[in-house]
Amino acid sequence: QVQLVESGGGSVQPGGSLRLSCVASGRIFSINTMAWYRQAPGKQRELVASITSGGGTSYADSVKGRFTISRDNAKNTVLLQIDSLKPEDTAVYYCNARVLVGSYWGQGTQVTVSS
């Protein structure tokens, strides 16, 4: 079992920044890749960014240049630095840990961007 706890969401104005954090516990040695997803009301869950155990990163085209994912294996933590926030970034952001036969999800943290 892997447990994931997200934090750092909130309500901000356009152009603002947030730093999301995800702390993993349990069978962390089984994790291959960690990622951030987001889901807006009425829309499909979307992959935002991912990072491999070796530190390789990948981003959705819509967030390149604004979002940065990083991983601290010693602290079992993955971070998502979000800059230049736009209203369309409003969603619940979920941490995901991939294993061989499936994945684990956190409870999510709400990000709201509005004037």
C-alpha atoms as a PDB file:
ATOM      1  CA  GLN A   1       0.000   0.000   0.000  1.00  0.00           C
ATOM      2  CA  VAL A   2       1.037   3.582  -0.752  1.00  0.00           C
ATOM      3  CA  GLN A   3      -0.543   6.580   0.961  1.00  0.00           C
ATOM      4  CA  LEU A   4      -0.401  10.070  -0.573  1.00  0.00           C
ATOM      5  CA  VAL A   5      -1.254  13.370   1.121  1.00  0.00           C
ATOM      6  CA  GLU A   6      -1.448  16.626  -0.869  1.00  0.00           C
ATOM      7  CA  SER A   7      -1.329  20.173   0.458  1.00  0.00           C
ATOM      8  CA  GLY A   8      -0.775  23.728  -0.757  1.00  0.00           C
ATOM      9  CA  GLY A   9      -3.953  24.492  -2.683  1.00  0.00           C
ATOM     10  CA  GLY A  10      -5.889  27.706  -2.272  1.00  0.00           C
ATOM     11  CA  SER A  11      -7.616  30.642  -3.935  1.00  0.00           C
ATOM     12  CA  VAL A  12      -5.421  33.125  -5.822  1.00  0.00           C
ATOM     13  CA  GLN A  13      -5.705  35.893  -8.423  1.00  0.00           C
ATOM     14  CA  PRO A  14      -4.594  35.431 -12.049  1.00  0.00           C
ATOM     15  CA  GLY A  15      -0.818  35.713 -12.332  1.00  0.00           C
ATOM     16  CA  GLY A  16      -0.251  34.396  -8.831  1.00  0.00           C
ATOM     17  CA  SER A  17       1.725  31.350  -7.710  1.00  0.00           C
ATOM     18  CA  LEU A  18       1.200  28.242  -5.603  1.00  0.00           C
ATOM     19  CA  ARG A  19       3.404  25.382  -4.467  1.00  0.00           C
ATOM     20  CA  LEU A  20       1.686  22.011  -4.115  1.00  0.00           C
ATOM     21  CA  SER A  21       3.230  19.246  -2.029  1.00  0.00           C
ATOM     22  CA  CYS A  22       2.611  15.486  -1.974  1.00  0.00           C
ATOM     23  CA  VAL A  23       4.081  13.258   0.739  1.00  0.00           C
ATOM     24  CA  ALA A  24       4.160   9.488   0.149  1.00  0.00           C
ATOM     25  CA  SER A  25       4.304   6.757   2.771  1.00  0.00           C
ATOM     26  CA  GLY A  26       4.008   2.968   2.891  1.00  0.00           C
ATOM     27  CA  ARG A  27       5.565   0.766   0.186  1.00  0.00           C
ATOM     28  CA  ILE A  28       7.432   3.656  -1.412  1.00  0.00           C
ATOM     29  CA  PHE A  29      10.061   1.300  -2.868  1.00  0.00           C
ATOM     30  CA  SER A  30       7.422   0.032  -5.308  1.00  0.00           C
ATOM     31  CA  ILE A  31       6.840   3.463  -6.907  1.00  0.00           C
ATOM     32  CA  ASN A  32       8.122   3.915 -10.468  1.00  0.00           C
ATOM     33  CA  THR A  33       6.813   7.367 -11.381  1.00  0.00           C
ATOM     34  CA  MET A  34       4.992  10.139  -9.547  1.00  0.00           C
ATOM     35  CA  ALA A  35       2.693  12.624 -11.227  1.00  0.00           C
ATOM     36  CA  TRP A  36       0.219  15.453 -10.767  1.00  0.00           C
ATOM     37  CA  TYR A  37      -3.217  15.332 -12.389  1.00  0.00           C
ATOM     38  CA  ARG A  38      -6.039  17.854 -12.303  1.00  0.00           C
ATOM     39  CA  GLN A  39      -9.784  17.643 -12.823  1.00  0.00           C
ATOM     40  CA  ALA A  40     -12.160  20.546 -13.385  1.00  0.00           C
ATOM     41  CA  PRO A  41     -15.924  20.141 -12.798  1.00  0.00           C
ATOM     42  CA  GLY A  42     -17.544  18.163 -15.609  1.00  0.00           C
ATOM     43  CA  LYS A  43     -14.213  17.407 -17.300  1.00  0.00           C
ATOM     44  CA  GLN A  44     -11.956  14.373 -17.578  1.00  0.00           C
ATOM     45  CA  ARG A  45      -8.967  14.059 -15.272  1.00  0.00           C
ATOM     46  CA  GLU A  46      -5.863  15.420 -17.036  1.00  0.00           C
ATOM     47  CA  LEU A  47      -2.181  14.550 -16.619  1.00  0.00           C
ATOM     48  CA  VAL A  48      -0.298  17.758 -15.804  1.00  0.00           C
ATOM     49  CA  ALA A  49       3.270  16.670 -15.016  1.00  0.00           C
ATOM     50  CA  SER A  50       5.228  13.543 -14.133  1.00  0.00           C
ATOM     51  CA  ILE A  51       8.660  12.675 -12.784  1.00  0.00           C
ATOM     52  CA  THR A  52      10.470   9.331 -12.890  1.00  0.00           C
ATOM     53  CA  SER A  53      12.516   7.745 -10.118  1.00  0.00           C
ATOM     54  CA  GLY A  54      15.616   8.973 -11.955  1.00  0.00           C
ATOM     55  CA  GLY A  55      14.391  12.568 -12.119  1.00  0.00           C
ATOM     56  CA  GLY A  56      13.178  12.754 -15.721  1.00  0.00           C
ATOM     57  CA  THR A  57      10.214  15.117 -16.153  1.00  0.00           C
ATOM     58  CA  SER A  58       7.321  15.509 -18.583  1.00  0.00           C
ATOM     59  CA  TYR A  59       4.669  18.242 -18.867  1.00  0.00           C
ATOM     60  CA  ALA A  60       1.398  18.835 -20.625  1.00  0.00           C
ATOM     61  CA  ASP A  61       1.746  21.425 -23.391  1.00  0.00           C
ATOM     62  CA  SER A  62      -0.725  23.724 -21.642  1.00  0.00           C
ATOM     63  CA  VAL A  63       1.506  24.128 -18.570  1.00  0.00           C
ATOM     64  CA  LYS A  64       5.039  24.097 -20.031  1.00  0.00           C
ATOM     65  CA  GLY A  65       7.035  27.090 -18.829  1.00  0.00           C
ATOM     66  CA  ARG A  66       4.664  27.757 -15.915  1.00  0.00           C
ATOM     67  CA  PHE A  67       4.660  24.515 -13.885  1.00  0.00           C
ATOM     68  CA  THR A  68       7.724  22.772 -12.451  1.00  0.00           C
ATOM     69  CA  ILE A  69       7.673  19.298 -10.900  1.00  0.00           C
ATOM     70  CA  SER A  70      10.450  18.122  -8.589  1.00  0.00           C
ATOM     71  CA  ARG A  71      11.100  15.103  -6.380  1.00  0.00           C
ATOM     72  CA  ASP A  72      12.953  14.607  -3.114  1.00  0.00           C
ATOM     73  CA  ASN A  73      13.369  10.847  -2.723  1.00  0.00           C
ATOM     74  CA  ALA A  74      14.944  11.171   0.727  1.00  0.00           C
ATOM     75  CA  LYS A  75      11.827  12.986   1.975  1.00  0.00           C
ATOM     76  CA  ASN A  76       9.380  10.900  -0.120  1.00  0.00           C
ATOM     77  CA  THR A  77       7.942  14.145  -1.457  1.00  0.00           C
ATOM     78  CA  VAL A  78       6.997  15.480  -4.882  1.00  0.00           C
ATOM     79  CA  LEU A  79       6.383  19.198  -5.434  1.00  0.00           C
ATOM     80  CA  LEU A  80       4.552  21.159  -8.104  1.00  0.00           C
ATOM     81  CA  GLN A  81       5.542  24.823  -8.384  1.00  0.00           C
ATOM     82  CA  ILE A  82       2.829  26.697 -10.282  1.00  0.00           C
ATOM     83  CA  ASP A  83       3.539  30.204 -11.616  1.00  0.00           C
ATOM     84  CA  SER A  84       1.546  32.640 -13.768  1.00  0.00           C
ATOM     85  CA  LEU A  85      -1.743  31.030 -12.804  1.00  0.00           C
ATOM     86  CA  LYS A  86      -4.671  31.371 -15.204  1.00  0.00           C
ATOM     87  CA  PRO A  87      -8.415  30.943 -14.558  1.00  0.00           C
ATOM     88  CA  GLU A  88      -8.351  27.778 -16.686  1.00  0.00           C
ATOM     89  CA  ASP A  89      -5.950  26.230 -14.149  1.00  0.00           C
ATOM     90  CA  THR A  90      -8.835  26.042 -11.667  1.00  0.00           C
ATOM     91  CA  ALA A  91      -9.292  22.380 -10.711  1.00  0.00           C
ATOM     92  CA  VAL A  92      -8.746  19.796  -8.020  1.00  0.00           C
ATOM     93  CA  TYR A  93      -5.115  18.690  -8.233  1.00  0.00           C
ATOM     94  CA  TYR A  94      -4.317  15.054  -7.415  1.00  0.00           C
ATOM     95  CA  CYS A  95      -1.016  13.368  -6.648  1.00  0.00           C
ATOM     96  CA  ASN A  96      -0.494   9.954  -8.280  1.00  0.00           C
ATOM     97  CA  ALA A  97       2.089   7.223  -7.639  1.00  0.00           C
ATOM     98  CA  ARG A  98       2.510   4.589 -10.351  1.00  0.00           C
ATOM     99  CA  VAL A  99       3.426   0.979  -9.593  1.00  0.00           C
ATOM    100  CA  LEU A 100       3.770  -2.078 -11.847  1.00  0.00           C
ATOM    101  CA  VAL A 101       0.107  -3.123 -11.874  1.00  0.00           C
ATOM    102  CA  GLY A 102      -1.678   0.126 -11.072  1.00  0.00           C
ATOM    103  CA  SER A 103      -1.445   3.413  -9.219  1.00  0.00           C
ATOM    104  CA  TYR A 104      -2.412   5.201  -6.004  1.00  0.00           C
ATOM    105  CA  TRP A 105      -4.180   8.530  -5.568  1.00  0.00           C
ATOM    106  CA  GLY A 106      -4.249  11.230  -2.939  1.00  0.00           C
ATOM    107  CA  GLN A 107      -7.429  13.003  -1.829  1.00  0.00           C
ATOM    108  CA  GLY A 108      -6.734  16.110  -3.913  1.00  0.00           C
ATOM    109  CA  THR A 109      -6.252  19.798  -3.168  1.00  0.00           C
ATOM    110  CA  GLN A 110      -8.394  22.583  -4.643  1.00  0.00           C
ATOM    111  CA  VAL A 111      -6.801  25.334  -6.747  1.00  0.00           C
ATOM    112  CA  THR A 112      -9.064  28.280  -7.613  1.00  0.00           C
ATOM    113  CA  VAL A 113      -7.887  31.160  -9.827  1.00  0.00           C
ATOM    114  CA  SER A 114     -10.219  34.158 -10.096  1.00  0.00           C
ATOM    115  CA  SER A 115     -10.388  37.936  -9.709  1.00  0.00           C
END
